[in-house]
């Protein structure tokens, strides 16, 4: 998600026109909030799809085949940017943010509830990104980020702790898969920054390569009859949310928000994903979070907001 902070595609102009009478600040806030809601809906619908019998392979196929087809025409105008990334780097980025990311991130829902995935993935992205940035790029974390990460870890312990301590629970396996997905995205973000990958071009490269992989994998492992037998409503919802909204619309919305209100303020929106996923998940999956999960959710969200500077620490006199 943080990769999408540097470039705005031409189609953003159409979105701006729809908000013509609103100030740039409010337009940016509305578009950023829309992106956070889409990301939360993606997590909730992935959980609902797994509960309904869809496999992680199904979710990955819906995500990347659809996004790849949508982004394919963009190559007509952006081929030079994709070519400049290079095949090797494109393959590395696809291995990090492509099918393995979805297979781990969605596969975790086979063993753990929505609240775990909604919190652990973005929390690991935040914590590991800070560590990798310090180690690889030499950027020292600020005191606020250190405090924020400490609060995040405390929130994760509150949410995942009971499952980790319960000997017969399988939730820790799902939690480990969520953490792996978060780690993949953190490394993906770091490499994208190191290689100065244009966000839309990087999204196109990953989506098209991942779609080219997932289409035959899904057909060989699941079979065409499996997809033909799925209810039309399930197919439509997964294709719309996983491929179009998450893979394309959230990119345009978030990059537009960055342009309108700046990257520092726009960084609040990924921090809203845990709350968005759990709140959206109530009507989508019917899973009501427990009091302990709500406590952990609030704690992690506060830590995320502290780490990105939205909640400021009081300076000693």
Protein backbone atom coordinates (compact mmCIF):
# COMPACT_ATOMS: atom_id res chain seq x y z
CA UNK A 1 0.00 0.00 0.00
CA UNK A 2 2.73 2.49 0.85
CA UNK A 3 4.19 1.91 -2.59
CA UNK A 4 1.38 3.92 -4.15
CA UNK A 5 2.50 7.30 -2.89
CA UNK A 6 4.43 8.73 -5.80
CA UNK A 7 2.46 8.68 -9.06
CA UNK A 8 -1.02 9.54 -10.20
CA UNK A 9 -2.42 8.03 -13.42
CA UNK A 10 -4.26 10.18 -15.95
CA UNK A 11 -7.61 8.67 -15.00
CA UNK A 12 -7.41 10.50 -11.67
CA UNK A 13 -8.68 13.58 -13.46
CA UNK A 14 -12.07 11.94 -13.84
CA UNK A 15 -12.24 11.30 -10.10
CA UNK A 16 -11.33 14.91 -9.37
CA UNK A 17 -14.15 16.09 -11.60
CA UNK A 18 -16.68 14.17 -9.53
CA UNK A 19 -15.64 16.14 -6.44
CA UNK A 20 -15.49 19.50 -8.20
CA UNK A 21 -17.22 21.62 -5.56
CA UNK A 22 -15.30 20.26 -2.55
CA UNK A 23 -12.02 21.71 -1.25
CA UNK A 24 -8.82 19.78 -2.09
CA UNK A 25 -8.35 18.85 1.57
CA UNK A 26 -11.79 17.29 1.90
CA UNK A 27 -11.42 15.56 -1.46
CA UNK A 28 -8.15 14.04 -0.29
CA UNK A 29 -9.68 12.89 2.98
CA UNK A 30 -12.68 11.37 1.20
CA UNK A 31 -10.54 9.53 -1.34
CA UNK A 32 -8.11 8.25 1.31
CA UNK A 33 -10.96 7.05 3.49
CA UNK A 34 -12.44 5.29 0.46
CA UNK A 35 -9.15 3.44 -0.06
CA UNK A 36 -9.07 2.36 3.60
CA UNK A 37 -12.65 1.09 3.34
CA UNK A 38 -11.79 -0.89 0.20
CA UNK A 39 -8.79 -2.48 1.91
CA UNK A 40 -10.95 -3.37 4.90
CA UNK A 41 -13.64 -4.79 2.60
CA UNK A 42 -10.99 -6.87 0.85
CA UNK A 43 -9.94 -8.50 4.13
CA UNK A 44 -13.52 -9.06 5.26
CA UNK A 45 -14.63 -10.52 1.93
CA UNK A 46 -11.58 -12.77 1.83
CA UNK A 47 -12.56 -14.14 5.25
CA UNK A 48 -16.17 -14.56 4.13
CA UNK A 49 -15.07 -16.31 0.94
CA UNK A 50 -12.90 -18.79 2.85
CA UNK A 51 -15.79 -19.48 5.24
CA UNK A 52 -18.05 -20.13 2.23
CA UNK A 53 -15.66 -22.71 0.80
CA UNK A 54 -13.39 -20.69 -1.47
CA UNK A 55 -9.71 -21.60 -1.29
CA UNK A 56 -6.80 -19.16 -1.05
CA UNK A 57 -6.01 -20.14 -4.66
CA UNK A 58 -9.49 -18.96 -5.66
CA UNK A 59 -9.02 -15.60 -3.93
CA UNK A 60 -5.58 -15.11 -5.49
CA UNK A 61 -6.96 -15.94 -8.92
CA UNK A 62 -9.84 -13.48 -8.55
CA UNK A 63 -7.40 -10.81 -7.37
CA UNK A 64 -4.61 -11.08 -9.91
CA UNK A 65 -6.33 -12.36 -13.03
CA UNK A 66 -8.89 -9.56 -12.80
CA UNK A 67 -6.35 -6.86 -11.89
CA UNK A 68 -4.01 -8.10 -14.62
CA UNK A 69 -6.73 -7.86 -17.25
CA UNK A 70 -7.71 -4.39 -16.04
CA UNK A 71 -4.10 -3.14 -16.04
CA UNK A 72 -3.18 -4.76 -19.36
CA UNK A 73 -4.46 -1.86 -21.51
CA UNK A 74 -2.37 0.54 -19.40
CA UNK A 75 0.75 -1.01 -20.95
CA UNK A 76 -0.17 0.84 -24.14
CA UNK A 77 0.72 4.15 -22.50
CA UNK A 78 3.05 2.98 -19.73
CA UNK A 79 5.12 0.23 -21.34
CA UNK A 80 8.34 2.24 -21.12
CA UNK A 81 7.99 2.54 -17.33
CA UNK A 82 7.34 -1.18 -16.97
CA UNK A 83 10.28 -1.98 -19.25
CA UNK A 84 12.55 0.24 -17.15
CA UNK A 85 11.73 -1.80 -14.04
CA UNK A 86 13.27 -4.85 -15.71
CA UNK A 87 12.21 -8.47 -15.81
CA UNK A 88 14.28 -9.63 -12.83
CA UNK A 89 13.03 -6.88 -10.53
CA UNK A 90 9.47 -7.41 -11.73
CA UNK A 91 9.75 -11.12 -10.86
CA UNK A 92 11.12 -10.32 -7.40
CA UNK A 93 8.32 -7.83 -6.73
CA UNK A 94 5.74 -10.36 -7.94
CA UNK A 95 7.18 -13.01 -5.61
CA UNK A 96 6.77 -10.58 -2.71
CA UNK A 97 3.43 -8.89 -3.47
CA UNK A 98 1.93 -11.48 -5.80
CA UNK A 99 0.41 -14.92 -5.14
CA UNK A 100 2.48 -15.79 -2.02
CA UNK A 101 1.22 -12.63 -0.30
CA UNK A 102 -2.42 -13.52 -0.93
CA UNK A 103 -1.98 -17.26 -0.28
CA UNK A 104 -0.49 -16.58 3.16
CA UNK A 105 -2.74 -13.62 3.96
CA UNK A 106 -5.95 -15.37 2.96
CA UNK A 107 -4.84 -18.86 3.97
CA UNK A 108 -4.55 -17.67 7.54
CA UNK A 109 -8.33 -17.36 7.67
CA UNK A 110 -8.55 -21.14 7.50
CA UNK A 111 -7.23 -21.15 11.07
CA UNK A 112 -7.81 -17.72 12.64
CA UNK A 113 -10.69 -15.19 12.77
CA UNK A 114 -11.03 -11.91 10.90
CA UNK A 115 -9.79 -9.76 13.79
CA UNK A 116 -6.43 -11.54 13.82
CA UNK A 117 -5.77 -11.00 10.12
CA UNK A 118 -7.11 -7.45 10.13
CA UNK A 119 -4.65 -6.41 12.83
CA UNK A 120 -1.58 -8.60 12.46
CA UNK A 121 -0.90 -7.99 8.76
CA UNK A 122 -0.79 -4.16 8.84
CA UNK A 123 0.94 -4.19 12.23
CA UNK A 124 3.75 -6.41 10.94
CA UNK A 125 4.07 -4.20 7.87
CA UNK A 126 4.53 -1.15 10.10
CA UNK A 127 6.97 -2.75 12.54
CA UNK A 128 9.11 -4.59 9.98
CA UNK A 129 9.16 -1.65 7.58
CA UNK A 130 10.62 0.54 10.32
CA UNK A 131 13.26 -2.05 11.21
CA UNK A 132 14.24 -2.72 7.59
CA UNK A 133 14.37 0.98 6.78
CA UNK A 134 16.75 1.54 9.68
CA UNK A 135 18.96 -1.44 8.83
CA UNK A 136 19.03 -1.16 5.05
CA UNK A 137 18.49 2.54 4.34
CA UNK A 138 20.02 3.91 7.52
CA UNK A 139 16.95 5.93 8.51
CA UNK A 140 16.80 6.15 12.29
CA UNK A 141 13.31 5.73 13.78
CA UNK A 142 11.95 8.68 15.71
CA UNK A 143 10.99 8.31 19.38
CA UNK A 144 7.32 8.47 18.33
CA UNK A 145 7.80 5.50 16.00
CA UNK A 146 9.54 3.49 18.69
CA UNK A 147 6.72 4.17 21.16
CA UNK A 148 4.13 3.43 18.48
CA UNK A 149 5.72 0.09 17.60
CA UNK A 150 5.86 -0.85 21.28
CA UNK A 151 2.13 -0.13 21.57
CA UNK A 152 1.48 -2.16 18.39
CA UNK A 153 3.30 -5.18 19.79
CA UNK A 154 1.29 -4.89 23.00
CA UNK A 155 -1.93 -4.86 20.99
CA UNK A 156 -0.89 -7.93 19.02
CA UNK A 157 -0.20 -9.76 22.26
CA UNK A 158 -3.68 -8.86 23.52
CA UNK A 159 -5.34 -10.13 20.33
CA UNK A 160 -3.25 -13.20 19.57
CA UNK A 161 -2.12 -14.04 23.09
CA UNK A 162 -5.07 -16.24 24.12
CA UNK A 163 -4.81 -18.24 20.89
CA UNK A 164 -1.07 -18.62 21.33
CA UNK A 165 -1.45 -19.82 24.91
CA UNK A 166 -4.26 -22.25 24.16
CA UNK A 167 -2.64 -25.62 23.49
CA UNK A 168 -5.47 -26.98 21.34
CA UNK A 169 -6.01 -23.82 19.31
CA UNK A 170 -4.98 -23.62 15.67
CA UNK A 171 -5.18 -19.81 15.63
CA UNK A 172 -1.39 -19.41 16.03
CA UNK A 173 -0.89 -21.08 12.65
CA UNK A 174 -3.16 -18.51 11.03
CA UNK A 175 -1.42 -15.73 12.95
CA UNK A 176 1.95 -16.92 11.61
CA UNK A 177 0.58 -16.87 8.06
CA UNK A 178 -0.75 -13.33 8.56
CA UNK A 179 2.65 -12.26 9.89
CA UNK A 180 4.36 -13.84 6.87
CA UNK A 181 2.06 -11.92 4.52
CA UNK A 182 2.88 -8.70 6.36
CA UNK A 183 6.61 -9.46 6.12
CA UNK A 184 6.34 -10.05 2.37
CA UNK A 185 4.61 -6.70 1.90
CA UNK A 186 7.18 -4.90 4.07
CA UNK A 187 10.07 -6.28 1.98
CA UNK A 188 8.12 -5.47 -1.19
CA UNK A 189 7.75 -1.86 -0.05
CA UNK A 190 11.45 -1.61 0.85
CA UNK A 191 12.62 -3.01 -2.49
CA UNK A 192 10.21 -0.81 -4.41
CA UNK A 193 11.65 2.20 -2.64
CA UNK A 194 15.25 1.11 -3.16
CA UNK A 195 14.65 0.52 -6.85
CA UNK A 196 12.54 3.69 -7.27
CA UNK A 197 9.71 1.73 -8.88
CA UNK A 198 6.88 3.94 -10.22
CA UNK A 199 3.78 2.85 -8.27
CA UNK A 200 1.32 2.37 -11.13
CA UNK A 201 3.95 0.71 -13.33
CA UNK A 202 4.91 -1.58 -10.45
CA UNK A 203 1.27 -2.43 -9.84
CA UNK A 204 0.79 -3.23 -13.52
CA UNK A 205 3.90 -5.45 -13.65
CA UNK A 206 2.93 -7.39 -10.52
CA UNK A 207 -0.73 -7.75 -11.51
CA UNK A 208 -0.02 -8.94 -15.05
CA UNK A 209 2.75 -11.38 -14.08
CA UNK A 210 0.77 -12.71 -11.11
CA UNK A 211 -2.35 -13.05 -13.26
CA UNK A 212 -0.40 -14.99 -15.87
CA UNK A 213 0.70 -17.39 -13.12
CA UNK A 214 -2.59 -17.71 -11.25
CA UNK A 215 -4.83 -18.33 -14.29
CA UNK A 216 -3.29 -21.72 -15.20
CA UNK A 217 -2.64 -22.64 -11.55
CA UNK A 218 -6.29 -22.06 -10.66
CA UNK A 219 -7.55 -24.01 -13.67
CA UNK A 220 -5.19 -26.93 -13.05
CA UNK A 221 -5.79 -27.20 -9.29
CA UNK A 222 -9.44 -26.17 -9.05
CA UNK A 223 -10.79 -26.95 -12.51
CA UNK A 224 -13.02 -24.89 -14.75
CA UNK A 225 -16.12 -26.73 -13.47
CA UNK A 226 -15.41 -25.41 -9.99
CA UNK A 227 -15.72 -21.81 -11.14
CA UNK A 228 -18.69 -22.48 -13.39
CA UNK A 229 -20.52 -24.00 -10.40
CA UNK A 230 -19.94 -20.97 -8.16
CA UNK A 231 -22.97 -18.73 -7.58
CA UNK A 232 -23.00 -15.70 -9.83
CA UNK A 233 -23.22 -13.43 -6.78
CA UNK A 234 -20.03 -14.92 -5.32
CA UNK A 235 -18.15 -14.55 -8.59
CA UNK A 236 -19.32 -10.98 -9.06
CA UNK A 237 -18.49 -9.93 -5.49
CA UNK A 238 -15.01 -11.49 -5.49
CA UNK A 239 -14.08 -10.18 -8.94
CA UNK A 240 -15.36 -6.70 -8.14
CA UNK A 241 -13.76 -6.36 -4.70
CA UNK A 242 -10.57 -8.39 -5.10
CA UNK A 243 -9.66 -7.39 -8.63
CA UNK A 244 -11.30 -4.10 -9.57
CA UNK A 245 -11.73 -2.25 -6.26
CA UNK A 246 -8.63 -3.45 -4.43
CA UNK A 247 -6.33 -3.85 -7.42
CA UNK A 248 -7.28 -0.70 -9.34
CA UNK A 249 -9.72 1.72 -7.68
CA UNK A 250 -7.90 1.86 -4.33
CA UNK A 251 -4.68 2.66 -6.22
CA UNK A 252 -6.28 5.67 -7.92
CA UNK A 253 -8.03 6.82 -4.75
CA UNK A 254 -4.95 6.59 -2.55
CA UNK A 255 -2.53 8.21 -5.01
CA UNK A 256 -5.07 11.01 -5.47
CA UNK A 257 -5.24 11.51 -1.69
CA UNK A 258 -1.44 11.71 -1.54
CA UNK A 259 -1.41 14.38 -4.22
CA UNK A 260 -4.13 16.41 -2.51
CA UNK A 261 -3.09 16.28 1.16
CA UNK A 262 0.50 15.02 1.05
CA UNK A 263 2.10 11.67 1.90
CA UNK A 264 2.53 12.35 5.63
CA UNK A 265 -1.17 12.98 6.23
CA UNK A 266 -2.27 10.31 3.75
CA UNK A 267 -0.29 7.73 5.77
CA UNK A 268 -3.16 7.72 8.28
CA UNK A 269 -5.32 5.67 5.93
CA UNK A 270 -3.41 2.36 6.03
CA UNK A 271 -3.51 2.71 9.81
CA UNK A 272 -7.31 2.71 9.61
CA UNK A 273 -7.42 -0.69 7.87
CA UNK A 274 -7.71 -2.82 11.05
CA UNK A 275 -10.74 -0.87 12.25
CA UNK A 276 -12.18 -0.78 8.74
CA UNK A 277 -11.82 -4.54 8.25
CA UNK A 278 -13.38 -5.47 11.56
CA UNK A 279 -16.26 -2.99 11.23
CA UNK A 280 -16.99 -3.96 7.63
CA UNK A 281 -16.62 -7.58 8.65
CA UNK A 282 -19.60 -7.48 10.99
CA UNK A 283 -22.22 -7.35 8.18
CA UNK A 284 -20.05 -9.26 5.67
CA UNK A 285 -18.94 -12.22 7.79
CA UNK A 286 -21.24 -11.96 10.81
CA UNK A 287 -18.21 -12.14 13.12
CA UNK A 288 -18.58 -9.85 16.10
CA UNK A 289 -15.23 -9.09 17.77
CA UNK A 290 -14.84 -10.05 21.41
CA UNK A 291 -14.14 -7.48 24.12
CA UNK A 292 -10.50 -8.62 24.20
CA UNK A 293 -10.20 -8.28 20.41
CA UNK A 294 -11.70 -4.79 20.54
CA UNK A 295 -9.19 -3.84 23.23
CA UNK A 296 -6.34 -5.15 21.12
CA UNK A 297 -7.73 -3.45 18.02
CA UNK A 298 -7.89 -0.08 19.77
CA UNK A 299 -4.38 -0.58 21.14
CA UNK A 300 -2.86 -1.49 17.76
CA UNK A 301 -4.71 1.35 16.01
CA UNK A 302 -3.40 3.81 18.60
CA UNK A 303 0.12 2.46 18.11
CA UNK A 304 -0.16 2.83 14.35
CA UNK A 305 -1.39 6.42 14.69
CA UNK A 306 1.44 7.25 17.10
CA UNK A 307 4.02 5.65 14.79
CA UNK A 308 2.96 7.74 11.79
CA UNK A 309 2.66 10.95 13.84
CA UNK A 310 -1.10 11.44 13.80
CA UNK A 311 -1.22 11.09 17.60
CA UNK A 312 1.61 13.21 18.93
CA UNK A 313 3.52 12.53 22.10
CA UNK A 314 3.73 15.34 24.64
CA UNK A 315 7.24 16.73 24.69
CA UNK A 316 8.88 17.03 28.14
CA UNK A 317 9.59 20.56 29.26
